[in-house]
Amino acid sequence: MSQTSDPIISQPALPDESEAKKFTLSENITALVQIKNDNIARLAQGKINITSALVEQKWHNRHQIYPFRVKEEIYGAVLSEIIANHPGLKTQILGRLEAVYQQLRNEEAQTLSRTRALLENNYKTPHL
């Protein structure tokens, strides 16, 4: 038996066929997205969406967040000037900043692990 096969020559699609296929494809995609959203809504009933809660909290606290960003930029500019004028302090300043950053990073990791444990109903308080 030979491995040759007859080439199938397809005829070009008519413009009406192409439009019909595009319409059918878009309808199928819309239906699949709707099914996916329905499944997500069904599975997520009674559960807290942490991401949306954090976004909502950030939106409510935006008036407190903005001054911190401004303060951070001012502190950064001041530290840059101090380092430019006193190069000997650079290692001390950067060491202190790294220590504070690592502390904040550890606290954030603990917060995330507690949030995850609370979400999964596995968190036990140390006082009980």
N, C-alpha and C. Protein backbone atom coordinates (compact mmCIF):
# COMPACT_ATOMS: atom_id res chain seq x y z
N MET A 1 0.84 -1.17 0.00
CA MET A 1 0.00 0.00 0.00
C MET A 1 0.88 1.23 0.00
N SER A 2 0.53 2.13 -0.80
CA SER A 2 1.34 3.34 -0.88
C SER A 2 0.81 4.38 0.10
N GLN A 3 1.72 5.22 0.53
CA GLN A 3 1.39 6.24 1.51
C GLN A 3 0.83 7.51 0.87
N THR A 4 0.69 7.51 -0.41
CA THR A 4 0.19 8.71 -1.08
C THR A 4 -1.30 8.81 -0.89
N SER A 5 -1.74 10.00 -0.70
CA SER A 5 -3.18 10.22 -0.57
C SER A 5 -3.59 11.29 -1.56
N ASP A 6 -4.82 11.25 -1.92
CA ASP A 6 -5.31 12.23 -2.87
C ASP A 6 -5.46 13.57 -2.16
N PRO A 7 -4.90 14.61 -2.72
CA PRO A 7 -5.07 15.92 -2.08
C PRO A 7 -6.52 16.37 -2.20
N ILE A 8 -7.01 16.89 -1.12
CA ILE A 8 -8.39 17.39 -1.12
C ILE A 8 -8.32 18.87 -1.45
N ILE A 9 -9.00 19.22 -2.47
CA ILE A 9 -9.00 20.62 -2.89
C ILE A 9 -10.29 21.23 -2.35
N SER A 10 -10.10 22.19 -1.47
CA SER A 10 -11.29 22.84 -0.92
C SER A 10 -11.59 24.07 -1.75
N GLN A 11 -12.84 24.30 -1.89
CA GLN A 11 -13.26 25.45 -2.66
C GLN A 11 -13.29 26.66 -1.73
N PRO A 12 -12.99 27.82 -2.27
CA PRO A 12 -13.02 29.01 -1.41
C PRO A 12 -14.43 29.26 -0.89
N ALA A 13 -14.46 29.71 0.34
CA ALA A 13 -15.76 29.97 0.96
C ALA A 13 -16.37 31.22 0.36
N LEU A 14 -17.64 31.17 0.21
CA LEU A 14 -18.35 32.33 -0.29
C LEU A 14 -18.42 33.38 0.82
N PRO A 15 -18.54 34.63 0.46
CA PRO A 15 -18.60 35.67 1.49
C PRO A 15 -19.73 35.45 2.49
N ASP A 16 -20.87 34.96 2.01
CA ASP A 16 -21.99 34.72 2.91
C ASP A 16 -21.67 33.60 3.89
N GLU A 17 -20.97 32.55 3.40
CA GLU A 17 -20.58 31.44 4.26
C GLU A 17 -19.61 31.91 5.33
N SER A 18 -18.68 32.75 4.93
CA SER A 18 -17.67 33.25 5.86
C SER A 18 -18.34 34.06 6.98
N GLU A 19 -19.25 34.92 6.60
CA GLU A 19 -19.96 35.72 7.59
C GLU A 19 -20.79 34.83 8.51
N ALA A 20 -21.42 33.82 7.95
CA ALA A 20 -22.22 32.90 8.76
C ALA A 20 -21.34 32.15 9.74
N LYS A 21 -20.14 31.74 9.29
CA LYS A 21 -19.22 31.03 10.19
C LYS A 21 -18.74 31.94 11.31
N LYS A 22 -18.43 33.20 10.96
CA LYS A 22 -18.00 34.16 11.98
C LYS A 22 -19.11 34.39 13.01
N PHE A 23 -20.33 34.52 12.52
CA PHE A 23 -21.46 34.73 13.42
C PHE A 23 -21.65 33.53 14.33
N THR A 24 -21.58 32.32 13.75
CA THR A 24 -21.73 31.10 14.55
C THR A 24 -20.61 30.98 15.57
N LEU A 25 -19.39 31.30 15.15
CA LEU A 25 -18.25 31.25 16.07
C LEU A 25 -18.42 32.23 17.21
N SER A 26 -18.84 33.45 16.90
CA SER A 26 -19.02 34.44 17.97
C SER A 26 -20.16 34.02 18.91
N GLU A 27 -21.21 33.43 18.37
CA GLU A 27 -22.30 32.94 19.22
C GLU A 27 -21.82 31.81 20.12
N ASN A 28 -21.01 30.91 19.58
CA ASN A 28 -20.47 29.81 20.38
C ASN A 28 -19.56 30.33 21.49
N ILE A 29 -18.72 31.30 21.16
CA ILE A 29 -17.83 31.87 22.18
C ILE A 29 -18.64 32.54 23.27
N THR A 30 -19.67 33.28 22.88
CA THR A 30 -20.52 33.94 23.87
C THR A 30 -21.20 32.92 24.77
N ALA A 31 -21.67 31.84 24.18
CA ALA A 31 -22.33 30.79 24.98
C ALA A 31 -21.34 30.13 25.93
N LEU A 32 -20.12 29.86 25.47
CA LEU A 32 -19.12 29.25 26.34
C LEU A 32 -18.73 30.17 27.49
N VAL A 33 -18.58 31.45 27.20
CA VAL A 33 -18.26 32.41 28.26
C VAL A 33 -19.38 32.46 29.28
N GLN A 34 -20.62 32.46 28.82
CA GLN A 34 -21.76 32.49 29.73
C GLN A 34 -21.81 31.23 30.59
N ILE A 35 -21.54 30.07 30.00
CA ILE A 35 -21.52 28.82 30.76
C ILE A 35 -20.42 28.86 31.81
N LYS A 36 -19.24 29.35 31.41
CA LYS A 36 -18.12 29.46 32.35
C LYS A 36 -18.48 30.38 33.52
N ASN A 37 -19.07 31.54 33.21
CA ASN A 37 -19.45 32.48 34.26
C ASN A 37 -20.51 31.89 35.18
N ASP A 38 -21.46 31.16 34.61
CA ASP A 38 -22.48 30.51 35.43
C ASP A 38 -21.87 29.47 36.36
N ASN A 39 -20.91 28.69 35.83
CA ASN A 39 -20.24 27.69 36.67
C ASN A 39 -19.45 28.35 37.79
N ILE A 40 -18.75 29.43 37.48
CA ILE A 40 -17.99 30.14 38.51
C ILE A 40 -18.93 30.69 39.57
N ALA A 41 -20.04 31.28 39.14
CA ALA A 41 -21.00 31.83 40.10
C ALA A 41 -21.60 30.73 40.96
N ARG A 42 -21.88 29.59 40.35
CA ARG A 42 -22.46 28.47 41.11
C ARG A 42 -21.46 27.94 42.14
N LEU A 43 -20.20 27.80 41.73
CA LEU A 43 -19.20 27.25 42.65
C LEU A 43 -18.79 28.25 43.72
N ALA A 44 -18.91 29.53 43.42
CA ALA A 44 -18.44 30.54 44.35
C ALA A 44 -19.52 31.04 45.31
N GLN A 45 -20.70 30.46 45.25
CA GLN A 45 -21.76 30.91 46.15
C GLN A 45 -21.35 30.68 47.59
N GLY A 46 -21.51 31.71 48.39
CA GLY A 46 -21.20 31.59 49.80
C GLY A 46 -19.74 31.73 50.13
N LYS A 47 -18.90 31.93 49.13
CA LYS A 47 -17.48 32.12 49.39
C LYS A 47 -17.12 33.58 49.14
N ILE A 48 -16.12 34.04 49.84
CA ILE A 48 -15.70 35.43 49.71
C ILE A 48 -14.65 35.53 48.61
N ASN A 49 -14.84 36.46 47.72
CA ASN A 49 -13.84 36.72 46.70
C ASN A 49 -12.82 37.69 47.30
N ILE A 50 -11.66 37.15 47.67
CA ILE A 50 -10.65 37.94 48.37
C ILE A 50 -10.17 39.09 47.49
N THR A 51 -9.96 38.85 46.22
CA THR A 51 -9.44 39.89 45.33
C THR A 51 -10.40 41.07 45.26
N SER A 52 -11.66 40.79 45.05
CA SER A 52 -12.62 41.90 44.95
C SER A 52 -12.77 42.61 46.29
N ALA A 53 -12.68 41.87 47.39
CA ALA A 53 -12.76 42.50 48.70
C ALA A 53 -11.57 43.43 48.92
N LEU A 54 -10.38 43.01 48.49
CA LEU A 54 -9.20 43.86 48.64
C LEU A 54 -9.30 45.10 47.76
N VAL A 55 -9.80 44.93 46.54
CA VAL A 55 -9.96 46.08 45.65
C VAL A 55 -10.97 47.06 46.24
N GLU A 56 -12.06 46.53 46.77
CA GLU A 56 -13.07 47.40 47.38
C GLU A 56 -12.50 48.13 48.60
N GLN A 57 -11.72 47.41 49.41
CA GLN A 57 -11.10 48.03 50.58
C GLN A 57 -10.12 49.12 50.15
N LYS A 58 -9.34 48.85 49.10
CA LYS A 58 -8.40 49.85 48.60
C LYS A 58 -9.16 51.07 48.10
N TRP A 59 -10.28 50.86 47.44
CA TRP A 59 -11.07 51.98 46.93
C TRP A 59 -11.61 52.81 48.09
N HIS A 60 -12.07 52.16 49.15
CA HIS A 60 -12.59 52.90 50.30
C HIS A 60 -11.47 53.62 51.05
N ASN A 61 -10.27 53.07 51.03
CA ASN A 61 -9.16 53.67 51.76
C ASN A 61 -8.23 54.49 50.87
N ARG A 62 -8.69 54.86 49.69
CA ARG A 62 -7.82 55.57 48.76
C ARG A 62 -7.35 56.91 49.31
N HIS A 63 -8.17 57.55 50.15
CA HIS A 63 -7.78 58.84 50.71
C HIS A 63 -6.62 58.68 51.70
N GLN A 64 -6.53 57.52 52.34
CA GLN A 64 -5.41 57.28 53.24
C GLN A 64 -4.19 56.77 52.48
N ILE A 65 -4.39 56.10 51.35
CA ILE A 65 -3.27 55.52 50.60
C ILE A 65 -2.48 56.59 49.87
N TYR A 66 -3.15 57.57 49.29
CA TYR A 66 -2.45 58.58 48.50
C TYR A 66 -1.40 59.34 49.31
N PRO A 67 -1.70 59.81 50.53
CA PRO A 67 -0.64 60.49 51.30
C PRO A 67 0.57 59.61 51.56
N PHE A 68 0.35 58.31 51.74
CA PHE A 68 1.49 57.41 51.95
C PHE A 68 2.37 57.35 50.70
N ARG A 69 1.76 57.36 49.54
CA ARG A 69 2.54 57.33 48.30
C ARG A 69 3.35 58.62 48.16
N VAL A 70 2.74 59.75 48.48
CA VAL A 70 3.45 61.03 48.41
C VAL A 70 4.60 61.03 49.41
N LYS A 71 4.31 60.57 50.62
CA LYS A 71 5.35 60.52 51.65
C LYS A 71 6.50 59.60 51.22
N GLU A 72 6.17 58.49 50.59
CA GLU A 72 7.19 57.56 50.11
C GLU A 72 8.09 58.22 49.07
N GLU A 73 7.49 58.99 48.16
CA GLU A 73 8.28 59.68 47.15
C GLU A 73 9.16 60.75 47.78
N ILE A 74 8.64 61.47 48.77
CA ILE A 74 9.44 62.49 49.45
C ILE A 74 10.60 61.85 50.19
N TYR A 75 10.33 60.78 50.93
CA TYR A 75 11.41 60.08 51.64
C TYR A 75 12.46 59.56 50.67
N GLY A 76 12.02 59.04 49.54
CA GLY A 76 12.97 58.55 48.54
C GLY A 76 13.87 59.67 48.02
N ALA A 77 13.28 60.83 47.76
CA ALA A 77 14.07 61.97 47.28
C ALA A 77 15.05 62.43 48.34
N VAL A 78 14.60 62.48 49.60
CA VAL A 78 15.47 62.90 50.70
C VAL A 78 16.62 61.91 50.87
N LEU A 79 16.32 60.61 50.84
CA LEU A 79 17.38 59.61 50.98
C LEU A 79 18.37 59.70 49.82
N SER A 80 17.90 59.96 48.63
CA SER A 80 18.80 60.11 47.49
C SER A 80 19.74 61.29 47.69
N GLU A 81 19.22 62.39 48.21
CA GLU A 81 20.06 63.56 48.47
C GLU A 81 21.07 63.28 49.58
N ILE A 82 20.64 62.60 50.63
CA ILE A 82 21.56 62.27 51.73
C ILE A 82 22.69 61.38 51.22
N ILE A 83 22.33 60.38 50.42
CA ILE A 83 23.35 59.47 49.88
C ILE A 83 24.28 60.22 48.93
N ALA A 84 23.74 61.16 48.15
CA ALA A 84 24.58 61.93 47.23
C ALA A 84 25.55 62.83 47.99
N ASN A 85 25.09 63.42 49.11
CA ASN A 85 25.94 64.34 49.87
C ASN A 85 26.85 63.63 50.87
N HIS A 86 26.47 62.46 51.36
CA HIS A 86 27.25 61.71 52.34
C HIS A 86 27.37 60.26 51.88
N PRO A 87 28.29 59.98 50.95
CA PRO A 87 28.41 58.62 50.42
C PRO A 87 28.76 57.58 51.48
N GLY A 88 29.35 57.98 52.58
CA GLY A 88 29.71 57.04 53.64
C GLY A 88 28.50 56.43 54.32
N LEU A 89 27.38 57.11 54.28
CA LEU A 89 26.15 56.62 54.92
C LEU A 89 25.35 55.67 54.02
N LYS A 90 25.79 55.51 52.79
CA LYS A 90 25.01 54.72 51.83
C LYS A 90 24.80 53.29 52.30
N THR A 91 25.86 52.63 52.78
CA THR A 91 25.72 51.23 53.20
C THR A 91 24.82 51.11 54.42
N GLN A 92 24.92 52.06 55.35
CA GLN A 92 24.05 52.02 56.53
C GLN A 92 22.59 52.22 56.15
N ILE A 93 22.34 53.19 55.28
CA ILE A 93 20.96 53.48 54.87
C ILE A 93 20.38 52.29 54.10
N LEU A 94 21.14 51.76 53.14
CA LEU A 94 20.64 50.64 52.35
C LEU A 94 20.46 49.39 53.21
N GLY A 95 21.33 49.18 54.19
CA GLY A 95 21.18 48.04 55.10
C GLY A 95 19.92 48.16 55.93
N ARG A 96 19.67 49.35 56.43
CA ARG A 96 18.46 49.58 57.23
C ARG A 96 17.20 49.41 56.38
N LEU A 97 17.23 49.96 55.16
CA LEU A 97 16.08 49.80 54.25
C LEU A 97 15.82 48.33 53.93
N GLU A 98 16.90 47.56 53.71
CA GLU A 98 16.74 46.14 53.41
C GLU A 98 16.15 45.40 54.61
N ALA A 99 16.59 45.74 55.82
CA ALA A 99 16.06 45.09 57.02
C ALA A 99 14.56 45.38 57.18
N VAL A 100 14.18 46.63 56.98
CA VAL A 100 12.76 46.99 57.09
C VAL A 100 11.95 46.30 55.99
N TYR A 101 12.51 46.23 54.78
CA TYR A 101 11.83 45.56 53.67
C TYR A 101 11.61 44.08 53.99
N GLN A 102 12.62 43.42 54.51
CA GLN A 102 12.49 42.00 54.85
C GLN A 102 11.44 41.79 55.95
N GLN A 103 11.39 42.70 56.91
CA GLN A 103 10.39 42.60 57.98
C GLN A 103 8.98 42.75 57.39
N LEU A 104 8.80 43.74 56.53
CA LEU A 104 7.49 43.94 55.89
C LEU A 104 7.11 42.73 55.03
N ARG A 105 8.09 42.18 54.36
CA ARG A 105 7.84 41.00 53.52
C ARG A 105 7.41 39.80 54.36
N ASN A 106 8.05 39.60 55.50
CA ASN A 106 7.66 38.50 56.39
C ASN A 106 6.26 38.71 56.95
N GLU A 107 5.95 39.95 57.33
CA GLU A 107 4.61 40.24 57.85
C GLU A 107 3.55 40.01 56.77
N GLU A 108 3.85 40.40 55.54
CA GLU A 108 2.90 40.18 54.44
C GLU A 108 2.70 38.69 54.18
N ALA A 109 3.78 37.91 54.25
CA ALA A 109 3.66 36.46 54.05
C ALA A 109 2.80 35.84 55.15
N GLN A 110 2.97 36.29 56.38
CA GLN A 110 2.15 35.78 57.48
C GLN A 110 0.69 36.15 57.28
N THR A 111 0.44 37.39 56.85
CA THR A 111 -0.93 37.82 56.60
C THR A 111 -1.58 36.98 55.51
N LEU A 112 -0.84 36.72 54.43
CA LEU A 112 -1.40 35.91 53.35
C LEU A 112 -1.67 34.48 53.79
N SER A 113 -0.78 33.91 54.59
CA SER A 113 -1.01 32.54 55.05
C SER A 113 -2.21 32.48 55.99
N ARG A 114 -2.37 33.49 56.83
CA ARG A 114 -3.55 33.52 57.72
C ARG A 114 -4.83 33.72 56.92
N THR A 115 -4.77 34.58 55.92
CA THR A 115 -5.94 34.80 55.07
C THR A 115 -6.33 33.51 54.37
N ARG A 116 -5.34 32.80 53.86
CA ARG A 116 -5.60 31.53 53.18
C ARG A 116 -6.20 30.53 54.16
N ALA A 117 -5.64 30.47 55.37
CA ALA A 117 -6.15 29.54 56.37
C ALA A 117 -7.58 29.89 56.77
N LEU A 118 -7.87 31.19 56.90
CA LEU A 118 -9.24 31.61 57.21
C LEU A 118 -10.20 31.23 56.09
N LEU A 119 -9.76 31.41 54.86
CA LEU A 119 -10.60 31.09 53.72
C LEU A 119 -10.90 29.60 53.67
N GLU A 120 -9.93 28.78 54.05
CA GLU A 120 -10.10 27.33 54.01
C GLU A 120 -10.64 26.77 55.33
N ASN A 121 -10.97 27.65 56.27
CA ASN A 121 -11.47 27.27 57.59
C ASN A 121 -10.49 26.38 58.35
N ASN A 122 -9.20 26.62 58.18
CA ASN A 122 -8.17 25.86 58.88
C ASN A 122 -7.46 26.67 59.96
N TYR A 123 -7.80 27.94 60.11
CA TYR A 123 -7.06 28.81 61.02
C TYR A 123 -7.50 28.58 62.46
N LYS A 124 -6.56 28.37 63.32
CA LYS A 124 -6.81 28.23 64.76
C LYS A 124 -6.09 29.37 65.47
N THR A 125 -6.82 30.10 66.28
CA THR A 125 -6.18 31.20 67.00
C THR A 125 -5.30 30.64 68.10
N PRO A 126 -4.19 31.31 68.42
CA PRO A 126 -3.30 30.80 69.46
C PRO A 126 -3.89 30.95 70.86
N HIS A 127 -4.94 31.73 71.02
CA HIS A 127 -5.50 32.00 72.34
C HIS A 127 -6.58 31.00 72.75
N LEU A 128 -7.03 30.17 71.84
CA LEU A 128 -8.09 29.22 72.17
C LEU A 128 -7.56 27.82 72.27
